Amino acid sequence: MPEVLELKPLKEKHLKLIMIESEFPIDWWFEVPAEKKEDLIWNLHLISKEYLELIESLIEKYKPDMVLEEKPNFWVGPLNPDEDPLKSLFEQKNIPFKHADISENAEFYLSASLDEHRSMLKSLETKIKEILQKSGGIPENDELFQRLIMWKEYLQTDYDSQEDDIRYKVREAWMMMNIINLAKTIDGKKLKGLFICDLRHFNGIEKLALDLGIETEQIIIKRSIRTEEFEEILEEEIEISK
């Protein structure tokens, strides 16, 4: 039976949710842009030793009853191990863990609602390319070409706007439901949970939490580059290449 989105306050339980910024941005699309598929850094699911140590220190500090992580862009393949370091850490600590995201059925349904936009965009792109090839470049004073460009820009803006609503408002509601559903399975009246997610979701999740009577705390990562260590690595590379 398909899962239905339903947000109701926890009964007879108090939850404190500690939101932790993910080490790297977690992007989401219905269709991954072609350039992202070729982006090695984006495809790698890297987690630094320092970030794992930070999460371990937060576990010691808060002693959470559960942990959730926004479902990351995890591509299992030769460059990525078939093991999630964060998931392994939580298993070692015996802390219930779950990836939070929109359900597959809901994502499929919402994606299908934009099929007409995709089809029209592809048709417009094909027609624009045909005109460019026939003219050997951008045709001058061609009203049809100008209208095609304007229609494509309008459709793309509308598509992006609808996808943004799902990327944030809809996915955040589903992630919050994942949090509440996991909390329901945990024994105890006063619970603490860690939620690792993209910083861009902090405001939306906090607003939902407030509406549902969930206490929140935010942990934002301060990033810095150790210049000495970076220079040392470069020097070693130069020595090796000589």
C-alpha atoms as a PDB file:
ATOM      1  CA  MET A   1       0.000   0.000   0.000  1.00  0.00           C
ATOM      2  CA  PRO A   2       1.503   3.397  -1.011  1.00  0.00           C
ATOM      3  CA  GLU A   3       2.713   5.562   1.864  1.00  0.00           C
ATOM      4  CA  VAL A   4       0.613   8.689   2.409  1.00  0.00           C
ATOM      5  CA  LEU A   5       2.090  11.992   3.569  1.00  0.00           C
ATOM      6  CA  GLU A   6       0.602  12.814   6.958  1.00  0.00           C
ATOM      7  CA  LEU A   7       2.080  15.123   9.579  1.00  0.00           C
ATOM      8  CA  LYS A   8       0.696  14.811  13.104  1.00  0.00           C
ATOM      9  CA  PRO A   9       2.328  15.815  16.414  1.00  0.00           C
ATOM     10  CA  LEU A  10       3.871  13.053  18.495  1.00  0.00           C
ATOM     11  CA  LYS A  11       1.519  11.826  21.225  1.00  0.00           C
ATOM     12  CA  GLU A  12       2.900  11.645  24.780  1.00  0.00           C
ATOM     13  CA  LYS A  13       6.460  12.133  23.506  1.00  0.00           C
ATOM     14  CA  HIS A  14       8.777  15.149  23.495  1.00  0.00           C
ATOM     15  CA  LEU A  15      11.386  15.223  20.741  1.00  0.00           C
ATOM     16  CA  LYS A  16      14.413  17.465  20.532  1.00  0.00           C
ATOM     17  CA  LEU A  17      15.782  17.483  16.983  1.00  0.00           C
ATOM     18  CA  ILE A  18      19.403  18.531  16.482  1.00  0.00           C
ATOM     19  CA  MET A  19      19.891  19.503  12.840  1.00  0.00           C
ATOM     20  CA  ILE A  20      23.457  19.032  11.611  1.00  0.00           C
ATOM     21  CA  GLU A  21      24.687  20.472   8.334  1.00  0.00           C
ATOM     22  CA  SER A  22      25.863  17.788   5.907  1.00  0.00           C
ATOM     23  CA  GLU A  23      29.555  17.913   5.081  1.00  0.00           C
ATOM     24  CA  PHE A  24      28.791  18.571   1.416  1.00  0.00           C
ATOM     25  CA  PRO A  25      25.641  19.966  -0.261  1.00  0.00           C
ATOM     26  CA  ILE A  26      22.988  17.348  -1.012  1.00  0.00           C
ATOM     27  CA  ASP A  27      21.434  18.234  -4.360  1.00  0.00           C
ATOM     28  CA  TRP A  28      18.235  16.726  -5.736  1.00  0.00           C
ATOM     29  CA  TRP A  29      16.507  16.693  -9.122  1.00  0.00           C
ATOM     30  CA  PHE A  30      13.918  14.559 -10.889  1.00  0.00           C
ATOM     31  CA  GLU A  31      16.448  14.168 -13.687  1.00  0.00           C
ATOM     32  CA  VAL A  32      20.108  14.640 -12.857  1.00  0.00           C
ATOM     33  CA  PRO A  33      21.628  17.259 -15.223  1.00  0.00           C
ATOM     34  CA  ALA A  34      24.046  15.774 -17.754  1.00  0.00           C
ATOM     35  CA  GLU A  35      26.942  17.873 -16.447  1.00  0.00           C
ATOM     36  CA  LYS A  36      26.435  16.468 -12.934  1.00  0.00           C
ATOM     37  CA  LYS A  37      26.659  12.899 -14.208  1.00  0.00           C
ATOM     38  CA  GLU A  38      30.124  13.776 -15.502  1.00  0.00           C
ATOM     39  CA  ASP A  39      31.131  15.567 -12.292  1.00  0.00           C
ATOM     40  CA  LEU A  40      33.512  13.226 -10.456  1.00  0.00           C
ATOM     41  CA  ILE A  41      33.375  15.176  -7.174  1.00  0.00           C
ATOM     42  CA  TRP A  42      29.547  15.219  -7.162  1.00  0.00           C
ATOM     43  CA  ASN A  43      29.360  11.488  -7.881  1.00  0.00           C
ATOM     44  CA  LEU A  44      31.765  10.526  -5.113  1.00  0.00           C
ATOM     45  CA  HIS A  45      30.172  10.073  -1.704  1.00  0.00           C
ATOM     46  CA  LEU A  46      33.124  11.343   0.304  1.00  0.00           C
ATOM     47  CA  ILE A  47      33.033  11.770   4.065  1.00  0.00           C
ATOM     48  CA  SER A  48      36.147  13.082   5.753  1.00  0.00           C
ATOM     49  CA  LYS A  49      37.716  11.664   8.895  1.00  0.00           C
ATOM     50  CA  GLU A  50      37.162  15.073  10.514  1.00  0.00           C
ATOM     51  CA  TYR A  51      33.434  15.000   9.781  1.00  0.00           C
ATOM     52  CA  LEU A  52      33.082  11.481  11.178  1.00  0.00           C
ATOM     53  CA  GLU A  53      34.914  12.636  14.291  1.00  0.00           C
ATOM     54  CA  LEU A  54      32.542  15.607  14.573  1.00  0.00           C
ATOM     55  CA  ILE A  55      29.487  13.347  14.354  1.00  0.00           C
ATOM     56  CA  GLU A  56      31.013  10.992  16.930  1.00  0.00           C
ATOM     57  CA  SER A  57      31.610  13.923  19.292  1.00  0.00           C
ATOM     58  CA  LEU A  58      27.988  15.051  18.837  1.00  0.00           C
ATOM     59  CA  ILE A  59      26.807  11.544  19.642  1.00  0.00           C
ATOM     60  CA  GLU A  60      28.806  11.714  22.877  1.00  0.00           C
ATOM     61  CA  LYS A  61      27.423  15.174  23.671  1.00  0.00           C
ATOM     62  CA  TYR A  62      23.723  14.613  22.917  1.00  0.00           C
ATOM     63  CA  LYS A  63      23.425  10.825  23.358  1.00  0.00           C
ATOM     64  CA  PRO A  64      20.704  10.635  20.675  1.00  0.00           C
ATOM     65  CA  ASP A  65      17.998   7.988  20.665  1.00  0.00           C
ATOM     66  CA  MET A  66      17.900   8.025  16.850  1.00  0.00           C
ATOM     67  CA  VAL A  67      19.641   9.474  13.804  1.00  0.00           C
ATOM     68  CA  LEU A  68      18.366  10.368  10.344  1.00  0.00           C
ATOM     69  CA  GLU A  69      20.233  11.629   7.306  1.00  0.00           C
ATOM     70  CA  GLU A  70      18.793  13.256   4.214  1.00  0.00           C
ATOM     71  CA  LYS A  71      19.271  10.634   1.538  1.00  0.00           C
ATOM     72  CA  PRO A  72      22.605  11.549  -0.066  1.00  0.00           C
ATOM     73  CA  ASN A  73      23.657  11.342  -3.704  1.00  0.00           C
ATOM     74  CA  PHE A  74      25.195   7.924  -3.305  1.00  0.00           C
ATOM     75  CA  TRP A  75      26.302   6.185  -6.458  1.00  0.00           C
ATOM     76  CA  VAL A  76      27.497   2.640  -5.786  1.00  0.00           C
ATOM     77  CA  GLY A  77      30.308   1.836  -8.192  1.00  0.00           C
ATOM     78  CA  PRO A  78      34.046   1.203  -8.508  1.00  0.00           C
ATOM     79  CA  LEU A  79      34.857   4.661  -7.090  1.00  0.00           C
ATOM     80  CA  ASN A  80      32.405   4.355  -4.209  1.00  0.00           C
ATOM     81  CA  PRO A  81      32.399   1.627  -1.587  1.00  0.00           C
ATOM     82  CA  ASP A  82      29.145  -0.218  -1.072  1.00  0.00           C
ATOM     83  CA  GLU A  83      29.204   1.011   2.509  1.00  0.00           C
ATOM     84  CA  ASP A  84      28.057   4.260   4.062  1.00  0.00           C
ATOM     85  CA  PRO A  85      30.606   5.366   6.702  1.00  0.00           C
ATOM     86  CA  LEU A  86      27.961   7.299   8.662  1.00  0.00           C
ATOM     87  CA  LYS A  87      25.558   4.367   8.659  1.00  0.00           C
ATOM     88  CA  SER A  88      28.357   2.092   9.857  1.00  0.00           C
ATOM     89  CA  LEU A  89      29.158   4.516  12.686  1.00  0.00           C
ATOM     90  CA  PHE A  90      25.565   4.558  13.912  1.00  0.00           C
ATOM     91  CA  GLU A  91      25.365   0.763  13.722  1.00  0.00           C
ATOM     92  CA  GLN A  92      28.511   0.515  15.850  1.00  0.00           C
ATOM     93  CA  LYS A  93      26.885   2.825  18.416  1.00  0.00           C
ATOM     94  CA  ASN A  94      23.603   0.817  18.295  1.00  0.00           C
ATOM     95  CA  ILE A  95      21.607   3.938  17.375  1.00  0.00           C
ATOM     96  CA  PRO A  96      18.526   3.477  15.151  1.00  0.00           C
ATOM     97  CA  PHE A  97      19.281   5.076  11.771  1.00  0.00           C
ATOM     98  CA  LYS A  98      17.230   5.894   8.674  1.00  0.00           C
ATOM     99  CA  HIS A  99      17.696   7.784   5.413  1.00  0.00           C
ATOM    100  CA  ALA A 100      15.004  10.444   5.009  1.00  0.00           C
ATOM    101  CA  ASP A 101      13.502  11.300   1.637  1.00  0.00           C
ATOM    102  CA  ILE A 102      10.285  11.506  -0.341  1.00  0.00           C
ATOM    103  CA  SER A 103       8.711   8.087  -1.039  1.00  0.00           C
ATOM    104  CA  GLU A 104       9.420   6.508  -4.434  1.00  0.00           C
ATOM    105  CA  ASN A 105       5.705   6.387  -5.287  1.00  0.00           C
ATOM    106  CA  ALA A 106       5.209  10.076  -4.476  1.00  0.00           C
ATOM    107  CA  GLU A 107       8.339  11.019  -6.433  1.00  0.00           C
ATOM    108  CA  PHE A 108       7.129   9.019  -9.450  1.00  0.00           C
ATOM    109  CA  TYR A 109       3.682  10.625  -9.302  1.00  0.00           C
ATOM    110  CA  LEU A 110       5.066  14.170  -8.957  1.00  0.00           C
ATOM    111  CA  SER A 111       7.608  13.561 -11.707  1.00  0.00           C
ATOM    112  CA  ALA A 112       4.874  12.312 -14.052  1.00  0.00           C
ATOM    113  CA  SER A 113       2.955  15.556 -13.485  1.00  0.00           C
ATOM    114  CA  LEU A 114       5.843  17.402 -15.176  1.00  0.00           C
ATOM    115  CA  ASP A 115       6.132  15.044 -18.150  1.00  0.00           C
ATOM    116  CA  GLU A 116       4.264  17.476 -20.431  1.00  0.00           C
ATOM    117  CA  HIS A 117       6.744  20.237 -19.552  1.00  0.00           C
ATOM    118  CA  ARG A 118       9.680  17.951 -20.347  1.00  0.00           C
ATOM    119  CA  SER A 119       8.170  16.847 -23.635  1.00  0.00           C
ATOM    120  CA  MET A 120       7.507  20.438 -24.752  1.00  0.00           C
ATOM    121  CA  LEU A 121      10.976  21.566 -23.691  1.00  0.00           C
ATOM    122  CA  LYS A 122      12.598  18.773 -25.704  1.00  0.00           C
ATOM    123  CA  SER A 123      10.469  19.633 -28.750  1.00  0.00           C
ATOM    124  CA  LEU A 124      11.419  23.307 -28.495  1.00  0.00           C
ATOM    125  CA  GLU A 125      15.115  22.459 -28.077  1.00  0.00           C
ATOM    126  CA  THR A 126      14.967  20.220 -31.165  1.00  0.00           C
ATOM    127  CA  LYS A 127      13.306  22.942 -33.266  1.00  0.00           C
ATOM    128  CA  ILE A 128      15.773  25.602 -32.059  1.00  0.00           C
ATOM    129  CA  LYS A 129      18.746  23.361 -32.946  1.00  0.00           C
ATOM    130  CA  GLU A 130      17.280  22.707 -36.403  1.00  0.00           C
ATOM    131  CA  ILE A 131      16.991  26.455 -37.085  1.00  0.00           C
ATOM    132  CA  LEU A 132      20.532  27.100 -35.792  1.00  0.00           C
ATOM    133  CA  GLN A 133      21.962  24.362 -38.025  1.00  0.00           C
ATOM    134  CA  LYS A 134      19.987  25.530 -41.064  1.00  0.00           C
ATOM    135  CA  SER A 135      20.996  29.178 -40.544  1.00  0.00           C
ATOM    136  CA  GLY A 136      24.585  28.397 -39.611  1.00  0.00           C
ATOM    137  CA  GLY A 137      24.139  30.401 -36.401  1.00  0.00           C
ATOM    138  CA  ILE A 138      21.594  32.719 -34.770  1.00  0.00           C
ATOM    139  CA  PRO A 139      19.249  33.956 -37.508  1.00  0.00           C
ATOM    140  CA  GLU A 140      18.639  37.703 -37.672  1.00  0.00           C
ATOM    141  CA  ASN A 141      15.114  39.145 -37.531  1.00  0.00           C
ATOM    142  CA  ASP A 142      13.545  35.681 -37.348  1.00  0.00           C
ATOM    143  CA  GLU A 143      10.337  36.113 -35.342  1.00  0.00           C
ATOM    144  CA  LEU A 144       9.674  32.360 -35.090  1.00  0.00           C
ATOM    145  CA  PHE A 145      13.156  31.717 -33.658  1.00  0.00           C
ATOM    146  CA  GLN A 146      12.704  34.534 -31.116  1.00  0.00           C
ATOM    147  CA  ARG A 147       9.302  33.176 -30.045  1.00  0.00           C
ATOM    148  CA  LEU A 148      10.727  29.666 -29.664  1.00  0.00           C
ATOM    149  CA  ILE A 149      13.485  31.004 -27.400  1.00  0.00           C
ATOM    150  CA  MET A 150      10.955  32.959 -25.306  1.00  0.00           C
ATOM    151  CA  TRP A 151       8.624  29.936 -24.982  1.00  0.00           C
ATOM    152  CA  LYS A 152      11.533  27.717 -23.940  1.00  0.00           C
ATOM    153  CA  GLU A 153      12.691  30.216 -21.307  1.00  0.00           C
ATOM    154  CA  TYR A 154       9.152  30.554 -19.935  1.00  0.00           C
ATOM    155  CA  LEU A 155       8.615  26.777 -19.790  1.00  0.00           C
ATOM    156  CA  GLN A 156      12.028  26.178 -18.204  1.00  0.00           C
ATOM    157  CA  THR A 157      11.349  28.824 -15.530  1.00  0.00           C
ATOM    158  CA  ASP A 158       7.951  27.283 -14.769  1.00  0.00           C
ATOM    159  CA  TYR A 159       9.456  23.765 -14.630  1.00  0.00           C
ATOM    160  CA  ASP A 160      12.266  24.917 -12.315  1.00  0.00           C
ATOM    161  CA  SER A 161       9.748  26.659 -10.050  1.00  0.00           C
ATOM    162  CA  GLN A 162       7.599  23.540  -9.708  1.00  0.00           C
ATOM    163  CA  GLU A 163      10.644  21.333  -9.139  1.00  0.00           C
ATOM    164  CA  ASP A 164      11.860  23.788  -6.469  1.00  0.00           C
ATOM    165  CA  ASP A 165       8.543  23.478  -4.602  1.00  0.00           C
ATOM    166  CA  ILE A 166       9.007  19.712  -4.535  1.00  0.00           C
ATOM    167  CA  ARG A 167      12.741  19.970  -3.754  1.00  0.00           C
ATOM    168  CA  TYR A 168      12.038  21.987  -0.624  1.00  0.00           C
ATOM    169  CA  LYS A 169       8.421  22.149   0.613  1.00  0.00           C
ATOM    170  CA  VAL A 170       7.352  18.649  -0.406  1.00  0.00           C
ATOM    171  CA  ARG A 171      10.589  16.788   0.385  1.00  0.00           C
ATOM    172  CA  GLU A 172      10.926  18.590   3.721  1.00  0.00           C
ATOM    173  CA  ALA A 173       7.422  17.470   4.703  1.00  0.00           C
ATOM    174  CA  TRP A 174       8.264  13.872   3.783  1.00  0.00           C
ATOM    175  CA  MET A 175      11.562  14.031   5.676  1.00  0.00           C
ATOM    176  CA  MET A 176       9.749  15.374   8.735  1.00  0.00           C
ATOM    177  CA  MET A 177       7.272  12.503   8.504  1.00  0.00           C
ATOM    178  CA  ASN A 178      10.248  10.093   8.396  1.00  0.00           C
ATOM    179  CA  ILE A 179      11.545  11.737  11.591  1.00  0.00           C
ATOM    180  CA  ILE A 180       8.191  11.460  13.378  1.00  0.00           C
ATOM    181  CA  ASN A 181       7.636   7.855  12.241  1.00  0.00           C
ATOM    182  CA  LEU A 182      11.061   6.784  13.525  1.00  0.00           C
ATOM    183  CA  ALA A 183      10.449   8.588  16.836  1.00  0.00           C
ATOM    184  CA  LYS A 184       7.197   6.637  17.261  1.00  0.00           C
ATOM    185  CA  THR A 185       9.161   3.367  17.248  1.00  0.00           C
ATOM    186  CA  ILE A 186      11.598   4.494  19.966  1.00  0.00           C
ATOM    187  CA  ASP A 187      10.810   3.786  23.621  1.00  0.00           C
ATOM    188  CA  GLY A 188      10.760   6.751  25.978  1.00  0.00           C
ATOM    189  CA  LYS A 189       8.848   9.951  26.624  1.00  0.00           C
ATOM    190  CA  LYS A 190      11.764  12.379  26.092  1.00  0.00           C
ATOM    191  CA  LEU A 191      13.740  11.704  22.937  1.00  0.00           C
ATOM    192  CA  LYS A 192      16.686  13.292  21.193  1.00  0.00           C
ATOM    193  CA  GLY A 193      17.398  12.856  17.519  1.00  0.00           C
ATOM    194  CA  LEU A 194      20.126  13.960  15.131  1.00  0.00           C
ATOM    195  CA  PHE A 195      19.151  14.934  11.595  1.00  0.00           C
ATOM    196  CA  ILE A 196      21.957  15.416   9.062  1.00  0.00           C
ATOM    197  CA  CYS A 197      20.806  17.400   6.055  1.00  0.00           C
ATOM    198  CA  ASP A 198      21.675  20.106   3.556  1.00  0.00           C
ATOM    199  CA  LEU A 199      21.852  23.546   5.143  1.00  0.00           C
ATOM    200  CA  ARG A 200      19.207  24.792   2.682  1.00  0.00           C
ATOM    201  CA  HIS A 201      16.599  22.678   4.501  1.00  0.00           C
ATOM    202  CA  PHE A 202      17.226  24.118   7.961  1.00  0.00           C
ATOM    203  CA  ASN A 203      14.569  26.856   7.777  1.00  0.00           C
ATOM    204  CA  GLY A 204      11.887  24.614   6.294  1.00  0.00           C
ATOM    205  CA  ILE A 205      12.490  21.759   8.750  1.00  0.00           C
ATOM    206  CA  GLU A 206      12.594  24.158  11.695  1.00  0.00           C
ATOM    207  CA  LYS A 207       9.232  25.688  10.699  1.00  0.00           C
ATOM    208  CA  LEU A 208       7.634  22.254  10.384  1.00  0.00           C
ATOM    209  CA  ALA A 209       9.128  21.221  13.730  1.00  0.00           C
ATOM    210  CA  LEU A 210       7.720  24.341  15.397  1.00  0.00           C
ATOM    211  CA  ASP A 211       4.235  23.591  14.022  1.00  0.00           C
ATOM    212  CA  LEU A 212       4.495  20.027  15.363  1.00  0.00           C
ATOM    213  CA  GLY A 213       5.772  20.963  18.830  1.00  0.00           C
ATOM    214  CA  ILE A 214       9.282  19.598  18.210  1.00  0.00           C
ATOM    215  CA  GLU A 215      12.203  21.409  19.846  1.00  0.00           C
ATOM    216  CA  THR A 216      15.139  22.134  17.521  1.00  0.00           C
ATOM    217  CA  GLU A 217      18.792  23.080  17.606  1.00  0.00           C
ATOM    218  CA  GLN A 218      21.011  23.882  14.639  1.00  0.00           C
ATOM    219  CA  ILE A 219      24.653  22.977  14.099  1.00  0.00           C
ATOM    220  CA  ILE A 220      26.291  24.745  11.157  1.00  0.00           C
ATOM    221  CA  ILE A 221      29.759  23.668  10.067  1.00  0.00           C
ATOM    222  CA  LYS A 222      32.604  26.161   9.954  1.00  0.00           C
ATOM    223  CA  ARG A 223      34.952  25.178   7.163  1.00  0.00           C
ATOM    224  CA  SER A 224      38.627  26.063   6.929  1.00  0.00           C
ATOM    225  CA  ILE A 225      41.612  24.912   4.898  1.00  0.00           C
ATOM    226  CA  ARG A 226      44.813  24.030   6.720  1.00  0.00           C
ATOM    227  CA  THR A 227      47.208  26.018   4.550  1.00  0.00           C
ATOM    228  CA  GLU A 228      50.335  24.391   5.953  1.00  0.00           C
ATOM    229  CA  GLU A 229      49.042  20.885   5.286  1.00  0.00           C
ATOM    230  CA  PHE A 230      47.906  21.863   1.770  1.00  0.00           C
ATOM    231  CA  GLU A 231      51.330  23.374   0.959  1.00  0.00           C
ATOM    232  CA  GLU A 232      53.084  20.306   2.349  1.00  0.00           C
ATOM    233  CA  ILE A 233      51.050  18.006   0.072  1.00  0.00           C
ATOM    234  CA  LEU A 234      51.849  20.220  -2.945  1.00  0.00           C
ATOM    235  CA  GLU A 235      55.559  20.177  -2.093  1.00  0.00           C
ATOM    236  CA  GLU A 236      55.491  16.378  -1.843  1.00  0.00           C
ATOM    237  CA  GLU A 237      53.780  16.156  -5.241  1.00  0.00           C
ATOM    238  CA  ILE A 238      56.388  18.442  -6.792  1.00  0.00           C
ATOM    239  CA  GLU A 239      59.233  16.333  -5.333  1.00  0.00           C
ATOM    240  CA  ILE A 240      57.676  13.126  -6.661  1.00  0.00           C
ATOM    241  CA  SER A 241      57.190  14.567 -10.150  1.00  0.00           C
ATOM    242  CA  LYS A 242      60.813  15.701 -10.491  1.00  0.00           C
END
